[in-house]
Amino acid sequence: MLDKKLLSILVCPVSKAPLEYHEETEELLCKASGLAYPVRDGIPVMLEEEARHLTTDEKLA
């Protein structure tokens, strides 16, 4: 689980849009940029090169 206060101040480094935490995949999703940033050992990895691209279904959900 990611700290709610931390989540409230984090934004996507690409689009500067807010992020959504998905506990099942341990990722922070940004629908604006279409990227998912991994959370490793409770630490968000906010690097564009480490992010994966969201699928079309993930962008629409």
C-alpha atoms as a PDB file:
ATOM      1  CA  MET A   1       0.000   0.000   0.000  1.00  0.00           C
ATOM      2  CA  LEU A   2       1.247   3.441  -0.944  1.00  0.00           C
ATOM      3  CA  ASP A   3       0.942   6.289   1.559  1.00  0.00           C
ATOM      4  CA  LYS A   4      -2.084   8.448   0.678  1.00  0.00           C
ATOM      5  CA  LYS A   5      -0.213  11.684   1.451  1.00  0.00           C
ATOM      6  CA  LEU A   6       2.600  10.678  -0.923  1.00  0.00           C
ATOM      7  CA  LEU A   7       0.089   9.742  -3.610  1.00  0.00           C
ATOM      8  CA  SER A   8      -1.612  13.130  -3.272  1.00  0.00           C
ATOM      9  CA  ILE A   9       1.607  15.003  -4.163  1.00  0.00           C
ATOM     10  CA  LEU A  10       2.964  12.722  -6.894  1.00  0.00           C
ATOM     11  CA  VAL A  11       2.247  13.598 -10.517  1.00  0.00           C
ATOM     12  CA  CYS A  12       3.280  12.050 -13.796  1.00  0.00           C
ATOM     13  CA  PRO A  13       6.703  13.413 -14.812  1.00  0.00           C
ATOM     14  CA  VAL A  14       5.610  13.454 -18.466  1.00  0.00           C
ATOM     15  CA  SER A  15       2.122  15.024 -18.351  1.00  0.00           C
ATOM     16  CA  LYS A  16       2.079  16.473 -14.800  1.00  0.00           C
ATOM     17  CA  ALA A  17      -1.340  14.814 -14.381  1.00  0.00           C
ATOM     18  CA  PRO A  18      -2.444  13.046 -11.172  1.00  0.00           C
ATOM     19  CA  LEU A  19      -1.701   9.345 -10.747  1.00  0.00           C
ATOM     20  CA  GLU A  20      -3.905   6.431  -9.691  1.00  0.00           C
ATOM     21  CA  TYR A  21      -2.440   3.640  -7.581  1.00  0.00           C
ATOM     22  CA  HIS A  22      -3.401   0.086  -8.569  1.00  0.00           C
ATOM     23  CA  GLU A  23      -2.597  -2.266  -5.726  1.00  0.00           C
ATOM     24  CA  GLU A  24      -3.012  -5.481  -7.784  1.00  0.00           C
ATOM     25  CA  THR A  25      -0.264  -4.551 -10.233  1.00  0.00           C
ATOM     26  CA  GLU A  26       1.695  -2.281  -7.843  1.00  0.00           C
ATOM     27  CA  GLU A  27       1.751   0.524 -10.386  1.00  0.00           C
ATOM     28  CA  LEU A  28       0.907   4.195 -10.602  1.00  0.00           C
ATOM     29  CA  LEU A  29      -1.193   4.830 -13.698  1.00  0.00           C
ATOM     30  CA  CYS A  30      -1.422   8.049 -15.666  1.00  0.00           C
ATOM     31  CA  LYS A  31      -4.194   8.042 -18.228  1.00  0.00           C
ATOM     32  CA  ALA A  32      -3.097  11.430 -19.625  1.00  0.00           C
ATOM     33  CA  SER A  33       0.305  10.117 -20.739  1.00  0.00           C
ATOM     34  CA  GLY A  34      -0.749   6.473 -21.084  1.00  0.00           C
ATOM     35  CA  LEU A  35       2.050   5.266 -18.797  1.00  0.00           C
ATOM     36  CA  ALA A  36       2.202   2.963 -15.763  1.00  0.00           C
ATOM     37  CA  TYR A  37       5.041   3.531 -13.312  1.00  0.00           C
ATOM     38  CA  PRO A  38       6.152   0.571 -11.172  1.00  0.00           C
ATOM     39  CA  VAL A  39       6.236   0.669  -7.372  1.00  0.00           C
ATOM     40  CA  ARG A  40       9.127  -1.447  -6.105  1.00  0.00           C
ATOM     41  CA  ASP A  41       9.428  -2.224  -2.395  1.00  0.00           C
ATOM     42  CA  GLY A  42       6.985   0.614  -1.683  1.00  0.00           C
ATOM     43  CA  ILE A  43       9.020   3.155  -3.679  1.00  0.00           C
ATOM     44  CA  PRO A  44       7.535   4.673  -6.863  1.00  0.00           C
ATOM     45  CA  VAL A  45       9.936   4.528  -9.819  1.00  0.00           C
ATOM     46  CA  MET A  46       9.018   7.745 -11.617  1.00  0.00           C
ATOM     47  CA  LEU A  47      11.249   7.343 -14.670  1.00  0.00           C
ATOM     48  CA  GLU A  48       9.710   7.382 -18.135  1.00  0.00           C
ATOM     49  CA  GLU A  49      12.152   4.692 -19.287  1.00  0.00           C
ATOM     50  CA  GLU A  50      10.947   2.350 -16.506  1.00  0.00           C
ATOM     51  CA  ALA A  51       7.245   2.879 -17.259  1.00  0.00           C
ATOM     52  CA  ARG A  52       5.160   0.629 -19.440  1.00  0.00           C
ATOM     53  CA  HIS A  53       2.549   1.828 -21.922  1.00  0.00           C
ATOM     54  CA  LEU A  54      -1.074   1.309 -20.920  1.00  0.00           C
ATOM     55  CA  THR A  55      -3.261  -0.918 -23.033  1.00  0.00           C
ATOM     56  CA  THR A  56      -6.315   0.567 -24.740  1.00  0.00           C
ATOM     57  CA  ASP A  57      -8.578  -1.115 -22.160  1.00  0.00           C
ATOM     58  CA  GLU A  58      -6.577   0.380 -19.281  1.00  0.00           C
ATOM     59  CA  LYS A  59      -6.841   3.859 -20.773  1.00  0.00           C
ATOM     60  CA  LEU A  60     -10.629   3.545 -21.038  1.00  0.00           C
ATOM     61  CA  ALA A  61     -11.232   2.036 -17.584  1.00  0.00           C
END
